N, C-alpha and C. Protein backbone atom coordinates (compact mmCIF):
# COMPACT_ATOMS: atom_id res chain seq x y z
N UNK A 1 12.11 -11.44 14.36
CA UNK A 1 12.80 -10.89 15.51
C UNK A 1 11.78 -10.21 16.40
N UNK A 2 11.62 -10.70 17.59
CA UNK A 2 10.76 -10.04 18.57
C UNK A 2 11.68 -9.42 19.60
N UNK A 3 11.60 -8.10 19.73
CA UNK A 3 12.51 -7.38 20.62
C UNK A 3 12.30 -7.75 22.08
N UNK A 4 13.38 -7.69 22.83
CA UNK A 4 13.32 -7.92 24.26
C UNK A 4 13.16 -6.57 24.94
N UNK A 5 12.42 -6.54 26.03
CA UNK A 5 12.21 -5.31 26.78
C UNK A 5 13.57 -4.74 27.19
N UNK A 6 13.78 -3.48 26.92
CA UNK A 6 15.01 -2.80 27.30
C UNK A 6 16.19 -3.03 26.36
N UNK A 7 16.01 -3.87 25.32
CA UNK A 7 17.10 -4.12 24.39
C UNK A 7 17.29 -2.92 23.46
N UNK A 8 18.52 -2.45 23.35
CA UNK A 8 18.82 -1.33 22.45
C UNK A 8 18.78 -1.83 21.01
N UNK A 9 18.03 -1.11 20.16
CA UNK A 9 17.95 -1.49 18.75
C UNK A 9 18.37 -0.32 17.88
N UNK A 10 18.99 -0.66 16.76
CA UNK A 10 19.33 0.33 15.73
C UNK A 10 19.56 -0.42 14.43
N UNK A 11 19.80 0.29 13.36
CA UNK A 11 19.95 -0.34 12.05
C UNK A 11 21.05 -1.40 12.01
N UNK A 12 22.04 -1.27 12.87
CA UNK A 12 23.18 -2.20 12.84
C UNK A 12 22.87 -3.56 13.47
N UNK A 13 21.82 -3.66 14.32
CA UNK A 13 21.60 -4.92 15.02
C UNK A 13 20.20 -5.51 14.84
N UNK A 14 19.51 -5.12 13.76
CA UNK A 14 18.18 -5.67 13.49
C UNK A 14 18.13 -6.25 12.07
N UNK A 15 17.05 -6.98 11.79
CA UNK A 15 16.86 -7.57 10.46
C UNK A 15 16.71 -6.48 9.41
N UNK A 16 17.40 -6.66 8.29
CA UNK A 16 17.39 -5.73 7.16
C UNK A 16 16.80 -6.42 5.94
N UNK A 17 16.11 -5.67 5.10
CA UNK A 17 15.64 -6.20 3.82
C UNK A 17 15.69 -5.10 2.78
N UNK A 18 15.67 -5.49 1.51
CA UNK A 18 15.65 -4.55 0.39
C UNK A 18 14.31 -4.70 -0.30
N UNK A 19 13.71 -3.57 -0.64
CA UNK A 19 12.42 -3.59 -1.32
C UNK A 19 12.44 -2.58 -2.47
N UNK A 20 11.48 -2.73 -3.38
CA UNK A 20 11.34 -1.78 -4.49
C UNK A 20 12.61 -1.62 -5.29
N UNK A 21 12.93 -0.38 -5.60
CA UNK A 21 14.06 -0.03 -6.46
C UNK A 21 15.28 0.35 -5.63
N UNK A 22 15.82 -0.59 -4.86
CA UNK A 22 17.00 -0.32 -4.04
C UNK A 22 16.70 0.38 -2.73
N UNK A 23 15.47 0.24 -2.23
CA UNK A 23 15.09 0.82 -0.94
C UNK A 23 15.45 -0.15 0.17
N UNK A 24 15.72 0.37 1.36
CA UNK A 24 16.09 -0.44 2.51
C UNK A 24 15.04 -0.36 3.60
N UNK A 25 14.91 -1.45 4.35
CA UNK A 25 14.06 -1.48 5.53
C UNK A 25 14.77 -2.19 6.67
N UNK A 26 14.61 -1.68 7.87
CA UNK A 26 15.19 -2.28 9.07
C UNK A 26 14.06 -2.47 10.10
N UNK A 27 13.83 -3.71 10.53
CA UNK A 27 12.78 -4.01 11.51
C UNK A 27 13.26 -3.63 12.90
N UNK A 28 12.84 -2.47 13.41
CA UNK A 28 13.17 -2.06 14.76
C UNK A 28 12.34 -2.85 15.77
N UNK A 29 11.12 -3.21 15.37
CA UNK A 29 10.26 -4.10 16.15
C UNK A 29 9.45 -4.91 15.16
N UNK A 30 9.34 -6.21 15.43
CA UNK A 30 8.66 -7.08 14.48
C UNK A 30 7.93 -8.18 15.23
N UNK A 31 6.61 -8.03 15.37
CA UNK A 31 5.78 -9.11 15.89
C UNK A 31 4.39 -8.98 15.26
N UNK A 32 3.49 -9.86 15.61
CA UNK A 32 2.18 -9.88 14.94
C UNK A 32 1.31 -8.69 15.31
N UNK A 33 1.51 -8.12 16.49
CA UNK A 33 0.67 -6.99 16.93
C UNK A 33 1.11 -5.66 16.34
N UNK A 34 2.44 -5.54 16.06
CA UNK A 34 2.94 -4.25 15.58
C UNK A 34 4.32 -4.44 14.96
N UNK A 35 4.57 -3.67 13.89
CA UNK A 35 5.92 -3.57 13.36
C UNK A 35 6.32 -2.11 13.34
N UNK A 36 7.59 -1.88 13.64
CA UNK A 36 8.18 -0.54 13.52
C UNK A 36 9.38 -0.72 12.61
N UNK A 37 9.35 -0.04 11.47
CA UNK A 37 10.38 -0.20 10.45
C UNK A 37 10.99 1.16 10.13
N UNK A 38 12.31 1.23 10.10
CA UNK A 38 13.00 2.40 9.58
C UNK A 38 13.31 2.09 8.13
N UNK A 39 12.95 3.01 7.25
CA UNK A 39 13.13 2.78 5.82
C UNK A 39 13.92 3.92 5.19
N UNK A 40 14.62 3.56 4.11
CA UNK A 40 15.37 4.53 3.31
C UNK A 40 14.96 4.36 1.86
N UNK A 41 14.62 5.49 1.22
CA UNK A 41 14.28 5.48 -0.20
C UNK A 41 15.27 6.38 -0.94
N UNK A 42 15.98 5.83 -1.92
CA UNK A 42 16.84 6.68 -2.74
C UNK A 42 16.01 7.70 -3.53
N UNK A 43 16.66 8.75 -3.95
CA UNK A 43 16.00 9.78 -4.78
C UNK A 43 15.36 9.12 -6.00
N UNK A 44 14.15 9.57 -6.34
CA UNK A 44 13.47 9.12 -7.55
C UNK A 44 12.82 7.75 -7.46
N UNK A 45 12.69 7.17 -6.27
CA UNK A 45 12.06 5.85 -6.13
C UNK A 45 10.65 5.98 -5.57
N UNK A 46 9.89 4.88 -5.72
CA UNK A 46 8.52 4.88 -5.19
C UNK A 46 8.12 3.46 -4.81
N UNK A 47 7.11 3.38 -3.97
CA UNK A 47 6.51 2.12 -3.59
C UNK A 47 5.30 1.90 -4.49
N UNK A 48 4.91 0.65 -4.70
CA UNK A 48 3.71 0.36 -5.49
C UNK A 48 2.47 0.82 -4.74
N UNK A 49 1.49 1.31 -5.47
CA UNK A 49 0.19 1.66 -4.89
C UNK A 49 -0.42 0.39 -4.31
N UNK A 50 -0.88 0.46 -3.05
CA UNK A 50 -1.40 -0.72 -2.38
C UNK A 50 -2.38 -0.34 -1.27
N UNK A 51 -2.95 -1.38 -0.66
CA UNK A 51 -3.90 -1.20 0.44
C UNK A 51 -3.69 -2.32 1.45
N UNK A 52 -3.97 -2.02 2.72
CA UNK A 52 -3.97 -3.01 3.79
C UNK A 52 -5.40 -3.08 4.33
N UNK A 53 -5.90 -4.29 4.52
CA UNK A 53 -7.27 -4.45 5.00
C UNK A 53 -7.37 -4.29 6.52
N UNK A 54 -6.32 -4.70 7.25
CA UNK A 54 -6.37 -4.68 8.72
C UNK A 54 -5.44 -3.67 9.35
N UNK A 55 -4.30 -3.44 8.75
CA UNK A 55 -3.26 -2.63 9.39
C UNK A 55 -3.52 -1.13 9.24
N UNK A 56 -3.36 -0.44 10.35
CA UNK A 56 -3.31 1.02 10.39
C UNK A 56 -1.82 1.38 10.42
N UNK A 57 -1.41 2.38 9.62
CA UNK A 57 0.00 2.74 9.55
C UNK A 57 0.21 4.21 9.88
N UNK A 58 1.37 4.47 10.49
CA UNK A 58 1.80 5.84 10.75
C UNK A 58 3.19 6.00 10.18
N UNK A 59 3.35 6.99 9.29
CA UNK A 59 4.64 7.31 8.67
C UNK A 59 5.18 8.58 9.31
N UNK A 60 6.49 8.59 9.62
CA UNK A 60 7.12 9.75 10.23
C UNK A 60 8.48 9.97 9.57
N UNK A 61 8.66 11.15 8.97
CA UNK A 61 9.90 11.46 8.24
C UNK A 61 11.03 11.80 9.19
N UNK A 62 12.16 11.12 9.00
CA UNK A 62 13.38 11.41 9.77
C UNK A 62 14.29 12.39 9.03
N UNK A 63 14.34 12.23 7.70
CA UNK A 63 15.16 13.13 6.88
C UNK A 63 14.61 13.16 5.46
N UNK A 64 14.93 14.23 4.76
CA UNK A 64 14.44 14.38 3.39
C UNK A 64 12.95 14.66 3.36
N UNK A 65 12.33 14.32 2.23
CA UNK A 65 10.89 14.50 2.09
C UNK A 65 10.33 13.38 1.23
N UNK A 66 9.02 13.20 1.32
CA UNK A 66 8.33 12.18 0.54
C UNK A 66 6.95 12.69 0.17
N UNK A 67 6.46 12.23 -0.97
CA UNK A 67 5.10 12.53 -1.39
C UNK A 67 4.25 11.31 -1.03
N UNK A 68 3.21 11.54 -0.26
CA UNK A 68 2.26 10.49 0.10
C UNK A 68 1.01 10.66 -0.76
N UNK A 69 0.67 9.62 -1.50
CA UNK A 69 -0.58 9.57 -2.25
C UNK A 69 -1.52 8.75 -1.38
N UNK A 70 -2.58 9.38 -0.89
CA UNK A 70 -3.52 8.72 0.02
C UNK A 70 -4.93 8.88 -0.53
N UNK A 71 -5.45 7.80 -1.10
CA UNK A 71 -6.83 7.77 -1.59
C UNK A 71 -7.15 8.96 -2.51
N UNK A 72 -6.23 9.24 -3.43
CA UNK A 72 -6.47 10.29 -4.42
C UNK A 72 -5.94 11.66 -4.06
N UNK A 73 -5.45 11.84 -2.85
CA UNK A 73 -4.91 13.12 -2.40
C UNK A 73 -3.39 13.00 -2.22
N UNK A 74 -2.65 14.01 -2.63
CA UNK A 74 -1.21 14.01 -2.42
C UNK A 74 -0.83 15.05 -1.38
N UNK A 75 0.11 14.67 -0.53
CA UNK A 75 0.66 15.61 0.44
C UNK A 75 2.15 15.34 0.56
N UNK A 76 2.93 16.40 0.74
CA UNK A 76 4.37 16.26 0.90
C UNK A 76 4.71 16.28 2.38
N UNK A 77 5.42 15.23 2.80
CA UNK A 77 5.91 15.16 4.18
C UNK A 77 7.38 15.55 4.18
N UNK A 78 7.73 16.47 5.06
CA UNK A 78 9.12 16.88 5.22
C UNK A 78 9.62 16.39 6.57
N UNK A 79 10.90 16.59 6.83
CA UNK A 79 11.51 16.14 8.08
C UNK A 79 10.63 16.51 9.27
N UNK A 80 10.34 15.53 10.10
CA UNK A 80 9.55 15.64 11.33
C UNK A 80 8.05 15.80 11.08
N UNK A 81 7.58 15.55 9.85
CA UNK A 81 6.15 15.47 9.55
C UNK A 81 5.73 14.00 9.59
N UNK A 82 4.47 13.77 9.90
CA UNK A 82 3.94 12.41 9.90
C UNK A 82 2.51 12.38 9.41
N UNK A 83 2.03 11.17 9.10
CA UNK A 83 0.63 11.01 8.70
C UNK A 83 0.18 9.57 8.99
N UNK A 84 -1.12 9.42 9.18
CA UNK A 84 -1.73 8.13 9.47
C UNK A 84 -2.49 7.65 8.25
N UNK A 85 -2.38 6.34 7.98
CA UNK A 85 -3.14 5.69 6.90
C UNK A 85 -4.04 4.66 7.57
N UNK A 86 -5.34 4.82 7.42
CA UNK A 86 -6.29 3.88 8.01
C UNK A 86 -6.42 2.62 7.16
N UNK A 87 -6.81 1.50 7.77
CA UNK A 87 -7.03 0.28 7.00
C UNK A 87 -8.01 0.51 5.86
N UNK A 88 -7.79 -0.16 4.74
CA UNK A 88 -8.68 -0.04 3.58
C UNK A 88 -8.44 1.18 2.72
N UNK A 89 -7.42 1.98 3.05
CA UNK A 89 -7.14 3.21 2.31
C UNK A 89 -5.99 2.99 1.33
N UNK A 90 -6.23 3.12 0.01
CA UNK A 90 -5.14 2.99 -0.96
C UNK A 90 -4.09 4.08 -0.71
N UNK A 91 -2.81 3.69 -0.82
CA UNK A 91 -1.74 4.67 -0.57
C UNK A 91 -0.45 4.26 -1.26
N UNK A 92 0.44 5.24 -1.36
CA UNK A 92 1.75 5.06 -1.99
C UNK A 92 2.67 6.16 -1.47
N UNK A 93 3.94 5.80 -1.25
CA UNK A 93 4.95 6.80 -0.88
C UNK A 93 5.94 6.90 -2.03
N UNK A 94 6.35 8.14 -2.34
CA UNK A 94 7.32 8.39 -3.41
C UNK A 94 8.38 9.35 -2.90
N UNK A 95 9.59 9.18 -3.42
CA UNK A 95 10.64 10.15 -3.18
C UNK A 95 10.92 10.85 -4.49
N UNK A 96 10.26 11.97 -4.71
CA UNK A 96 10.41 12.75 -5.94
C UNK A 96 11.60 13.70 -5.87
N UNK A 97 12.29 13.73 -4.75
CA UNK A 97 13.39 14.69 -4.57
C UNK A 97 14.69 14.15 -5.19
N UNK A 98 15.75 14.90 -4.98
CA UNK A 98 17.06 14.55 -5.53
C UNK A 98 18.00 13.98 -4.47
N UNK A 99 17.47 13.72 -3.27
CA UNK A 99 18.28 13.14 -2.19
C UNK A 99 17.51 11.99 -1.53
N UNK A 100 18.23 11.08 -0.90
CA UNK A 100 17.61 9.98 -0.17
C UNK A 100 16.76 10.53 0.97
N UNK A 101 15.77 9.76 1.37
CA UNK A 101 15.02 10.11 2.57
C UNK A 101 15.03 8.92 3.52
N UNK A 102 14.70 9.16 4.77
CA UNK A 102 14.52 8.10 5.76
C UNK A 102 13.28 8.41 6.57
N UNK A 103 12.57 7.35 6.92
CA UNK A 103 11.34 7.52 7.69
C UNK A 103 11.08 6.28 8.52
N UNK A 104 10.19 6.43 9.47
CA UNK A 104 9.71 5.33 10.30
C UNK A 104 8.28 5.03 9.88
N UNK A 105 7.94 3.75 9.77
CA UNK A 105 6.54 3.37 9.55
C UNK A 105 6.17 2.36 10.64
N UNK A 106 5.08 2.69 11.34
CA UNK A 106 4.56 1.84 12.41
C UNK A 106 3.24 1.25 11.92
N UNK A 107 3.15 -0.08 11.94
CA UNK A 107 1.95 -0.77 11.46
C UNK A 107 1.34 -1.57 12.60
N UNK A 108 0.03 -1.37 12.81
CA UNK A 108 -0.70 -2.05 13.87
C UNK A 108 -1.99 -2.63 13.29
N UNK A 109 -2.19 -3.96 13.25
CA UNK A 109 -1.19 -4.98 13.51
C UNK A 109 -0.18 -5.03 12.37
N UNK A 110 0.69 -6.03 12.39
CA UNK A 110 1.68 -6.21 11.33
C UNK A 110 1.00 -6.28 9.96
N UNK A 111 1.70 -5.86 8.94
CA UNK A 111 1.17 -5.93 7.57
C UNK A 111 1.45 -7.27 6.90
N UNK A 112 2.08 -8.19 7.59
CA UNK A 112 2.42 -9.48 6.99
C UNK A 112 1.14 -10.18 6.51
N UNK A 113 1.08 -10.47 5.19
CA UNK A 113 -0.08 -11.11 4.60
C UNK A 113 -1.28 -10.19 4.46
N UNK A 114 -1.09 -8.89 4.64
CA UNK A 114 -2.21 -7.93 4.64
C UNK A 114 -2.01 -6.84 3.60
N UNK A 115 -1.34 -7.15 2.51
CA UNK A 115 -1.05 -6.15 1.49
C UNK A 115 -1.59 -6.61 0.15
N UNK A 116 -2.35 -5.72 -0.50
CA UNK A 116 -2.85 -5.99 -1.85
C UNK A 116 -2.40 -4.84 -2.75
N UNK A 117 -1.59 -5.18 -3.77
CA UNK A 117 -1.17 -4.13 -4.71
C UNK A 117 -2.32 -3.80 -5.64
N UNK A 118 -2.41 -2.52 -6.00
CA UNK A 118 -3.51 -2.04 -6.85
C UNK A 118 -3.00 -1.68 -8.23
């Protein structure tokens, strides 16, 4: 799905996918230069530790909190906190809390074919 200029997008009218342990993703923008995904992680879930060789990513919390493991360092992101992950940097996001969280992840360029699990 490549968005049209001025087209209103939200979770109800974009491509949806399920990842990990019952986590959701919605492609708000999806093309080769950039993806913008809104994601939801249930309490107690995590993503696999991985790295992207080309993509730079920015995570921004919409609700709840998440623990970001970035190249050996952990930081907790709460609502309206964000962080950047540079290409080549091992990382993982976890929801260690007791409630679901939602966040936006922007990847430049797209991570399609650019992910290696560690």
